[in-house]
Amino acid sequence: MARPLHDPQQRFYEQVEGIRAADFQVEVGPPGTEQDRRATPRYLVEPGFVLVREADLPAVRSRLTLRGDEEIKRAPGVARLPTDAKAGQDPDVFHNHLVTITPVNSCPADEPTLPPRSKRDPVELVTPPAYHDAEAGQGVDVLVVDTGLLSEYREFGPISDIVGDLRDQPPPGTITQYYGHGTFIAGVLRNVAPGVNLRVSGALQHAGSLSEFDLGRILLDELPADGPWPAIISLSAGAPTVDDQPLVGLEEFVRKLVDEHPETVLVAAAGNDGEPSQPFWPAALAPRYADSRAIVAVGALREDEAGRACFSNCGEWVSVYAAGERLVNIFATGRYENVHDVTRDCRYHVGYNPLYPGCTCVTAGVQGAAVDFDGYARWSGTSFATPIVAGRIARCMDLDGVKRTSREAAQYLLSRRTHTIRDGADGRPLPVLFEEDRQP
């Protein structure tokens, strides 16, 4: 008897359970979606609160009834109001979306798995391999906004000298979901550009999630109020929105980035929804600033790099695609239990054969199975394609004897170090990094 098709929303709701267990109040949208499992979830919002631009706050307060159980919170350019009124009923009132490590799946494209069996040292299996020039990217300041660093990160030579927030520790010998995500990204970035000055923020360490209001506030808190920002900010998180419009909670951060810090480029993940049309913010802002290259949106290629990974969002707003399936890099030591289950068919293409043989959906582990890690893992997601592009931009800032700003380097990379391939599955044109430029 044929195995029935999987529930395409099961993984999503398992992730929602984890987010709620971390004390995040979230509501699945569109309204009524959670009661109808046949419906496709599109976004997550914080119930009972709305966002209002600071300039509109006096007028909006006169129109809204606010609850007395919470105070109004303010961040640069925006305020969070406690109210039972619904966003959308007033043109100046907006949802407070949940920003996560590349949702709607609210997580990387797959769960960490063991690296390939080999007699070689795991260090020799890391991907992308360590760049041949140990000084590439030297002096370039990079900020990674993610889940923070493992306490043992200094044991790994390539990242032993970086700085950042240590993330909360699980019980000894235990690896929880998202644990090691930020450290893995740091390892990927340092492989690509060994010389960069790297700092890792732990803003997203709680279930890989944060409201757009809090993320906008934390980003501006982490960045200098006076003086230059880092040359590159790498962000492997974002959100789709109710109305497919940009996140209001990040407006002030984006304004400062674009208008006041021309020395900085934001490299943002395109998201893991397998979505060909719904934009994912802030990455989807990239075309708006294509002339300045203030923002670069990064999609993921499948393991053989013959097309996009099934989980990668795609569309004209994606600036470039880089390797993002089954990368091997630094991870935690301990036991991890799989949260999700293998499926017969690709969860991004329900009812059809996998987009390509061996996609991460049909090769996943069994739910509840325990996996013992020893410092390295294999993992997939646009999360991990993003630091590849960030590192390549850093390398282009001093290439062939020419000094460039990070935005000039981003323009150089996207115009001179990419080419277009046709997706092996559906023929979609994809701008990808030159393969021959990744290694000597």
Protein backbone atom coordinates (compact mmCIF):
# COMPACT_ATOMS: atom_id res chain seq x y z
CA MET A 1 0.00 0.00 0.00
CA ALA A 2 1.35 3.40 -0.99
CA ARG A 3 2.44 5.63 1.84
CA PRO A 4 0.12 8.67 2.11
CA LEU A 5 1.42 12.11 1.31
CA HIS A 6 2.79 13.91 4.33
CA ASP A 7 0.99 16.75 6.01
CA PRO A 8 2.75 19.74 4.41
CA GLN A 9 2.15 21.88 7.49
CA GLN A 10 3.30 19.41 10.14
CA ARG A 11 6.87 20.70 10.26
CA PHE A 12 5.68 24.29 10.51
CA TYR A 13 3.41 23.63 13.47
CA GLU A 14 6.13 21.62 15.21
CA GLN A 15 8.28 24.74 14.91
CA VAL A 16 5.47 26.93 16.22
CA GLU A 17 5.23 24.68 19.28
CA GLY A 18 8.92 25.23 19.95
CA ILE A 19 8.60 28.98 19.54
CA ARG A 20 5.67 29.10 21.97
CA ALA A 21 7.58 26.91 24.42
CA ALA A 22 10.22 29.65 24.46
CA ASP A 23 7.53 32.06 25.75
CA PHE A 24 6.85 33.81 22.45
CA GLN A 25 3.20 34.68 21.94
CA VAL A 26 2.52 34.10 18.24
CA GLU A 27 -0.50 33.92 16.01
CA VAL A 28 -0.46 32.09 12.69
CA GLY A 29 -1.77 33.95 9.68
CA PRO A 30 -3.83 34.43 7.62
CA PRO A 31 -6.61 34.36 10.25
CA GLY A 32 -8.18 30.93 10.62
CA THR A 33 -5.16 29.10 9.21
CA GLU A 34 -4.34 27.29 12.42
CA GLN A 35 -7.88 25.87 12.62
CA ASP A 36 -7.71 24.55 9.03
CA ARG A 37 -4.66 22.37 8.44
CA ARG A 38 -5.40 22.37 4.71
CA ALA A 39 -4.64 26.09 4.65
CA THR A 40 -1.11 27.33 4.00
CA PRO A 41 0.42 29.41 6.79
CA ARG A 42 2.06 32.57 5.50
CA TYR A 43 3.37 34.51 8.49
CA LEU A 44 3.59 34.78 12.28
CA VAL A 45 2.53 37.86 14.26
CA GLU A 46 2.41 38.89 17.90
CA PRO A 47 -1.24 38.97 19.07
CA GLY A 48 -2.48 41.85 21.22
CA PHE A 49 0.11 44.35 20.01
CA VAL A 50 0.56 46.60 16.99
CA LEU A 51 3.30 48.82 15.63
CA VAL A 52 2.96 52.50 14.80
CA ARG A 53 5.55 54.83 13.31
CA GLU A 54 6.70 57.36 15.90
CA ALA A 55 5.52 60.29 13.77
CA ASP A 56 1.97 58.86 13.64
CA LEU A 57 1.76 57.92 17.31
CA PRO A 58 -0.17 60.97 18.68
CA ALA A 59 -2.90 60.68 16.03
CA VAL A 60 -3.14 56.89 16.31
CA ARG A 61 -3.42 57.00 20.11
CA SER A 62 -6.47 59.21 19.78
CA ARG A 63 -8.11 56.61 17.54
CA LEU A 64 -7.15 53.38 19.32
CA THR A 65 -8.28 51.91 22.62
CA LEU A 66 -5.18 50.74 24.46
CA ARG A 67 -5.09 48.04 27.13
CA GLY A 68 -3.84 48.95 30.58
CA ASP A 69 -1.95 45.73 31.25
CA GLU A 70 1.12 46.74 29.22
CA GLU A 71 3.02 49.95 28.60
CA ILE A 72 3.77 51.45 25.22
CA LYS A 73 7.32 50.54 24.23
CA ARG A 74 9.41 52.74 21.98
CA ALA A 75 12.33 52.08 19.71
CA PRO A 76 13.92 54.46 17.20
CA GLY A 77 11.21 55.42 14.71
CA VAL A 78 8.52 53.04 15.94
CA ALA A 79 6.33 52.22 18.94
CA ARG A 80 4.70 48.97 20.13
CA LEU A 81 1.17 49.47 21.45
CA PRO A 82 -0.94 47.05 23.56
CA THR A 83 -4.37 46.91 21.96
CA ASP A 84 -7.01 44.42 20.92
CA ALA A 85 -7.63 46.43 17.76
CA LYS A 86 -6.51 44.64 14.62
CA ALA A 87 -3.77 45.93 12.38
CA GLY A 88 -5.04 46.73 8.93
CA GLN A 89 -8.20 48.42 10.18
CA ASP A 90 -6.21 51.65 10.43
CA PRO A 91 -3.73 52.56 7.65
CA ASP A 92 -1.17 53.73 10.23
CA VAL A 93 -1.27 50.55 12.33
CA PHE A 94 0.85 47.47 11.53
CA HIS A 95 1.37 43.91 12.72
CA ASN A 96 4.44 43.05 14.77
CA HIS A 97 5.75 40.09 12.77
CA LEU A 98 7.94 37.39 14.23
CA VAL A 99 11.35 37.33 12.59
CA THR A 100 12.95 33.90 12.76
CA ILE A 101 15.85 31.96 11.31
CA THR A 102 14.35 31.88 7.85
CA PRO A 103 10.64 30.97 8.29
CA VAL A 104 7.76 30.06 7.43
CA ASN A 105 9.48 26.81 8.33
CA SER A 106 10.89 28.91 11.17
CA CYS A 107 14.22 27.10 11.05
CA PRO A 108 17.06 26.07 8.76
CA ALA A 109 16.05 23.93 5.80
CA ASP A 110 16.93 20.72 7.60
CA GLU A 111 18.21 19.54 10.94
CA PRO A 112 21.92 19.04 11.56
CA THR A 113 23.24 15.64 10.52
CA LEU A 114 26.60 13.92 10.87
CA PRO A 115 29.29 14.77 8.31
CA PRO A 116 30.09 12.10 5.71
CA ARG A 117 31.98 9.12 7.05
CA SER A 118 35.62 9.46 6.19
CA LYS A 119 39.03 8.50 7.47
CA ARG A 120 40.03 12.11 7.02
CA ASP A 121 39.96 14.65 9.82
CA PRO A 122 36.58 16.44 9.89
CA VAL A 123 38.47 19.72 9.37
CA GLU A 124 39.35 18.49 5.88
CA LEU A 125 35.66 17.97 5.09
CA VAL A 126 34.41 21.48 5.88
CA THR A 127 32.59 23.31 3.10
CA PRO A 128 33.38 25.62 1.60
CA PRO A 129 37.00 24.61 2.17
CA ALA A 130 39.30 27.07 3.89
CA TYR A 131 40.44 29.73 1.42
CA HIS A 132 44.11 29.45 0.48
CA ASP A 133 44.98 33.03 1.51
CA ALA A 134 44.85 33.28 5.31
CA GLU A 135 44.87 37.09 5.05
CA ALA A 136 41.90 37.38 2.69
CA GLY A 137 39.46 39.90 4.13
CA GLN A 138 42.03 41.15 6.62
CA GLY A 139 40.90 44.22 8.52
CA VAL A 140 37.27 43.99 7.37
CA ASP A 141 34.81 44.27 10.26
CA VAL A 142 31.85 41.87 9.98
CA LEU A 143 28.86 41.55 12.32
CA VAL A 144 26.85 38.31 12.26
CA VAL A 145 23.39 38.71 13.82
CA ASP A 146 22.32 35.24 14.91
CA THR A 147 22.09 32.85 17.89
CA GLY A 148 25.45 33.71 19.45
CA LEU A 149 28.44 31.47 20.04
CA LEU A 150 28.92 28.11 21.74
CA SER A 151 30.92 28.38 24.93
CA GLU A 152 33.57 26.05 23.47
CA TYR A 153 34.04 28.01 20.24
CA ARG A 154 37.65 28.93 21.17
CA GLU A 155 38.59 25.27 20.78
CA PHE A 156 38.19 25.64 17.01
CA GLY A 157 41.21 27.33 15.45
CA PRO A 158 39.49 29.11 12.55
CA ILE A 159 37.14 31.01 14.90
CA SER A 160 39.09 30.99 18.17
CA ASP A 161 39.85 34.71 18.03
CA ILE A 162 36.40 36.06 17.17
CA VAL A 163 34.25 37.90 19.70
CA GLY A 164 30.55 37.83 20.48
CA ASP A 165 27.72 36.79 22.74
CA LEU A 166 27.82 33.35 24.30
CA ARG A 167 24.46 31.67 23.98
CA ASP A 168 22.54 29.99 26.80
CA GLN A 169 23.83 26.53 27.64
CA PRO A 170 21.56 23.46 27.42
CA PRO A 171 22.03 20.59 29.90
CA PRO A 172 25.52 19.01 29.62
CA GLY A 173 25.88 16.68 26.66
CA THR A 174 22.63 17.92 25.10
CA ILE A 175 22.21 19.86 21.86
CA THR A 176 18.95 21.74 21.54
CA GLN A 177 17.36 23.04 18.36
CA TYR A 178 19.22 26.02 16.83
CA TYR A 179 22.11 25.47 19.24
CA GLY A 180 25.28 25.99 17.26
CA HIS A 181 23.60 27.89 14.40
CA GLY A 182 25.56 31.10 14.94
CA THR A 183 28.83 29.22 15.48
CA PHE A 184 28.30 27.21 12.29
CA ILE A 185 27.79 30.49 10.37
CA ALA A 186 30.94 31.96 11.90
CA GLY A 187 32.88 28.92 10.71
CA VAL A 188 31.54 29.22 7.16
CA LEU A 189 32.37 32.92 6.99
CA ARG A 190 35.88 32.43 8.33
CA ASN A 191 36.51 29.66 5.79
CA VAL A 192 35.63 32.04 2.97
CA ALA A 193 37.45 35.09 4.35
CA PRO A 194 39.94 33.96 7.01
CA GLY A 195 41.22 37.45 7.78
CA VAL A 196 37.99 39.26 8.72
CA ASN A 197 37.39 40.74 12.16
CA LEU A 198 34.25 38.86 13.16
CA ARG A 199 31.72 39.56 15.89
CA VAL A 200 28.63 37.36 16.49
CA SER A 201 25.49 38.73 18.12
CA GLY A 202 23.17 36.47 20.12
CA ALA A 203 20.00 38.43 19.31
CA LEU A 204 18.22 35.33 17.97
CA GLN A 205 19.27 32.74 20.53
CA HIS A 206 15.77 32.13 21.94
CA ALA A 207 14.11 29.65 19.54
CA GLY A 208 15.85 31.46 16.70
CA SER A 209 13.13 34.10 16.92
CA LEU A 210 12.47 37.73 17.74
CA SER A 211 9.75 40.21 16.96
CA GLU A 212 10.53 42.77 14.27
CA PHE A 213 10.16 45.51 16.88
CA ASP A 214 12.80 43.92 19.12
CA LEU A 215 15.13 43.07 16.23
CA GLY A 216 15.07 46.64 14.94
CA ARG A 217 15.81 47.94 18.45
CA ILE A 218 18.60 45.42 19.10
CA LEU A 219 20.27 46.06 15.74
CA LEU A 220 20.53 49.76 16.49
CA ASP A 221 21.70 49.04 20.05
CA GLU A 222 24.45 46.75 18.76
CA LEU A 223 25.70 49.23 16.16
CA PRO A 224 27.60 52.42 17.03
CA ALA A 225 25.41 55.49 17.46
CA ASP A 226 28.42 57.60 16.45
CA GLY A 227 31.09 56.49 14.08
CA PRO A 228 31.19 53.88 11.33
CA TRP A 229 29.28 50.62 11.34
CA PRO A 230 30.93 47.30 10.38
CA ALA A 231 31.67 46.98 6.69
CA ILE A 232 29.36 43.94 6.43
CA ILE A 233 26.33 42.82 8.45
CA SER A 234 25.31 39.19 7.87
CA LEU A 235 21.71 38.35 8.81
CA SER A 236 20.36 34.81 8.38
CA ALA A 237 16.82 35.64 9.44
CA GLY A 238 13.76 37.50 8.24
CA ALA A 239 10.01 37.27 7.78
CA PRO A 240 7.22 37.26 5.21
CA THR A 241 4.51 39.79 6.03
CA VAL A 242 0.73 40.10 6.03
CA ASP A 243 0.64 42.47 3.07
CA ASP A 244 3.95 41.59 1.38
CA GLN A 245 5.32 44.97 2.46
CA PRO A 246 8.64 45.56 4.30
CA LEU A 247 8.92 45.22 8.06
CA VAL A 248 7.98 48.50 9.74
CA GLY A 249 10.04 47.55 12.80
CA LEU A 250 13.24 47.60 10.70
CA GLU A 251 12.54 50.87 8.88
CA GLU A 252 14.81 53.01 11.04
CA PHE A 253 17.64 50.49 10.83
CA VAL A 254 17.30 50.35 7.04
CA ARG A 255 17.08 54.16 6.80
CA LYS A 256 20.29 54.59 8.79
CA LEU A 257 22.00 51.87 6.79
CA VAL A 258 21.10 53.41 3.45
CA ASP A 259 21.36 57.11 4.25
CA GLU A 260 23.98 57.38 6.97
CA HIS A 261 26.33 54.42 6.56
CA PRO A 262 27.48 54.07 2.94
CA GLU A 263 30.44 52.06 4.25
CA THR A 264 28.12 49.16 5.23
CA VAL A 265 26.31 46.45 3.28
CA LEU A 266 23.61 44.15 4.70
CA VAL A 267 23.83 40.58 3.40
CA ALA A 268 20.52 38.87 4.19
CA ALA A 269 19.17 35.34 3.71
CA ALA A 270 16.37 34.91 1.17
CA GLY A 271 14.55 32.40 3.39
CA ASN A 272 13.69 28.70 3.40
CA ASP A 273 10.03 28.64 2.36
CA GLY A 274 10.59 27.25 -1.15
CA GLU A 275 8.53 30.27 -2.14
CA PRO A 276 8.61 31.64 -5.72
CA SER A 277 6.47 34.73 -5.13
CA GLN A 278 6.06 35.88 -1.52
CA PRO A 279 8.88 38.29 -0.57
CA PHE A 280 10.99 37.70 2.53
CA TRP A 281 12.12 40.79 4.44
CA PRO A 282 14.58 42.47 4.81
CA ALA A 283 16.30 40.50 2.00
CA ALA A 284 13.54 41.43 -0.47
CA LEU A 285 14.57 45.08 -0.17
CA ALA A 286 17.66 44.34 -2.27
CA PRO A 287 16.23 45.50 -5.64
CA ARG A 288 15.15 48.81 -4.10
CA TYR A 289 18.80 49.57 -3.37
CA ALA A 290 20.38 47.84 -6.35
CA ASP A 291 22.21 51.02 -7.41
CA SER A 292 24.00 51.39 -4.08
CA ARG A 293 24.13 47.66 -3.16
CA ALA A 294 23.21 48.55 0.41
CA ILE A 295 21.39 45.19 0.68
CA VAL A 296 22.23 41.85 -0.94
CA ALA A 297 19.72 38.96 -0.85
CA VAL A 298 21.16 35.43 -0.86
CA GLY A 299 19.44 32.25 -2.04
CA ALA A 300 20.81 28.71 -1.73
CA LEU A 301 22.01 26.23 -4.35
CA ARG A 302 21.49 22.52 -4.00
CA GLU A 303 24.44 20.27 -3.23
CA ASP A 304 25.49 19.63 -6.84
CA GLU A 305 25.00 23.36 -7.60
CA ALA A 306 22.97 22.50 -10.72
CA GLY A 307 20.03 24.58 -9.48
CA ARG A 308 18.47 26.14 -6.43
CA ALA A 309 17.88 24.10 -3.31
CA CYS A 310 14.24 23.05 -2.99
CA PHE A 311 13.90 25.05 0.23
CA SER A 312 15.33 28.30 -1.13
CA ASN A 313 13.01 31.21 -1.81
CA CYS A 314 13.53 32.55 -5.29
CA GLY A 315 12.48 35.41 -7.51
CA GLU A 316 13.86 38.50 -9.17
CA TRP A 317 14.52 40.05 -5.76
CA VAL A 318 17.20 37.45 -4.93
CA SER A 319 20.60 39.00 -5.75
CA VAL A 320 22.72 35.85 -5.93
CA TYR A 321 22.71 32.14 -5.05
CA ALA A 322 25.52 30.33 -3.22
CA ALA A 323 26.10 26.81 -1.91
CA GLY A 324 23.57 26.09 0.83
CA GLU A 325 22.79 22.39 0.94
CA ARG A 326 24.68 19.98 3.21
CA LEU A 327 27.56 22.26 4.12
CA VAL A 328 29.93 20.87 6.76
CA ASN A 329 31.28 23.09 9.51
CA ILE A 330 31.88 23.71 13.21
CA PHE A 331 29.10 22.55 15.51
CA ALA A 332 28.49 21.47 19.10
CA THR A 333 29.50 18.28 20.89
CA GLY A 334 26.68 16.25 22.41
CA ARG A 335 23.43 14.46 21.59
CA TYR A 336 20.69 15.93 19.40
CA GLU A 337 17.23 14.40 18.96
CA ASN A 338 15.51 15.01 15.64
CA VAL A 339 12.43 17.18 15.97
CA HIS A 340 11.05 16.38 12.52
CA ASP A 341 10.52 13.28 10.39
CA VAL A 342 11.61 12.18 6.95
CA THR A 343 8.94 12.54 4.24
CA ARG A 344 8.27 10.56 1.10
CA ASP A 345 7.92 13.66 -1.02
CA CYS A 346 9.51 17.08 -0.97
CA ARG A 347 7.69 19.23 1.59
CA TYR A 348 8.05 22.25 -0.68
CA HIS A 349 6.50 20.47 -3.65
CA VAL A 350 3.69 18.48 -2.09
CA GLY A 351 2.11 15.80 -4.26
CA TYR A 352 4.99 15.77 -6.71
CA ASN A 353 8.28 13.96 -6.96
CA PRO A 354 11.15 15.78 -5.27
CA LEU A 355 12.37 18.83 -7.15
CA TYR A 356 15.59 16.88 -7.67
CA PRO A 357 16.88 13.50 -6.41
CA GLY A 358 18.14 13.46 -2.85
CA CYS A 359 16.76 16.79 -1.66
CA THR A 360 16.97 17.43 2.08
CA CYS A 361 13.29 16.56 2.58
CA VAL A 362 13.49 12.95 1.46
CA THR A 363 16.88 12.29 3.06
CA ALA A 364 16.07 13.63 6.53
CA GLY A 365 16.48 11.60 9.70
CA VAL A 366 13.72 9.86 11.64
CA GLN A 367 11.76 11.89 14.17
CA GLY A 368 13.08 11.32 17.69
CA ALA A 369 16.26 9.61 16.52
CA ALA A 370 19.32 10.55 18.59
CA VAL A 371 22.46 11.76 16.82
CA ASP A 372 25.80 12.14 18.63
CA PHE A 373 27.95 15.02 17.37
CA ASP A 374 31.62 15.62 17.98
CA GLY A 375 32.22 19.22 16.99
CA TYR A 376 31.16 19.16 13.32
CA ALA A 377 27.85 18.84 11.49
CA ARG A 378 26.33 18.90 8.03
CA TRP A 379 23.52 21.46 7.67
CA SER A 380 21.44 23.18 5.00
CA GLY A 381 19.73 26.51 4.55
CA THR A 382 19.92 29.97 3.02
CA SER A 383 21.26 30.76 6.51
CA PHE A 384 24.55 29.18 5.47
CA ALA A 385 24.70 30.50 1.92
CA THR A 386 24.55 34.02 3.37
CA PRO A 387 27.97 34.03 5.12
CA ILE A 388 29.56 32.68 1.92
CA VAL A 389 28.45 35.83 0.09
CA ALA A 390 29.41 38.03 3.05
CA GLY A 391 32.90 36.52 3.00
CA ARG A 392 33.23 36.90 -0.75
CA ILE A 393 32.34 40.59 -0.47
CA ALA A 394 35.02 40.98 2.21
CA ARG A 395 37.58 39.39 -0.12
CA CYS A 396 36.60 41.71 -2.97
CA MET A 397 37.34 44.77 -0.82
CA ASP A 398 41.03 44.23 -1.58
CA LEU A 399 41.28 42.26 -4.80
CA ASP A 400 43.76 42.53 -7.65
CA GLY A 401 45.43 45.47 -5.94
CA VAL A 402 42.23 47.56 -5.84
CA LYS A 403 40.79 48.86 -2.57
CA ARG A 404 36.99 49.00 -2.48
CA THR A 405 34.28 49.88 0.02
CA SER A 406 31.99 47.01 0.97
CA ARG A 407 29.26 48.30 -1.35
CA GLU A 408 31.72 48.71 -4.21
CA ALA A 409 32.92 45.19 -3.45
CA ALA A 410 29.32 43.89 -3.48
CA GLN A 411 28.77 45.54 -6.87
CA TYR A 412 32.03 44.08 -8.16
CA LEU A 413 31.13 40.61 -6.90
CA LEU A 414 27.63 40.64 -8.37
CA SER A 415 28.68 42.09 -11.73
CA ARG A 416 32.10 40.51 -12.26
CA ARG A 417 32.21 37.34 -10.19
CA THR A 418 28.85 35.78 -11.01
CA HIS A 419 27.29 34.10 -14.00
CA THR A 420 23.80 32.88 -14.82
CA ILE A 421 22.86 29.21 -14.90
CA ARG A 422 19.55 27.58 -15.78
CA ASP A 423 18.03 25.69 -12.91
CA GLY A 424 18.39 21.97 -13.57
CA ALA A 425 14.85 21.34 -12.31
CA ASP A 426 12.71 24.08 -13.85
CA GLY A 427 14.98 26.17 -16.11
CA ARG A 428 14.72 29.30 -13.93
CA PRO A 429 17.69 31.66 -14.50
CA LEU A 430 19.86 31.92 -11.39
CA PRO A 431 22.79 34.30 -10.78
CA VAL A 432 25.47 32.26 -9.01
CA LEU A 433 29.02 32.85 -7.81
CA PHE A 434 31.83 31.67 -10.05
CA GLU A 435 32.74 28.22 -8.79
CA GLU A 436 36.37 28.60 -9.79
CA ASP A 437 36.71 31.68 -7.62
CA ARG A 438 35.94 29.83 -4.39
CA GLN A 439 39.16 27.85 -4.38
CA PRO A 440 42.68 28.52 -5.65
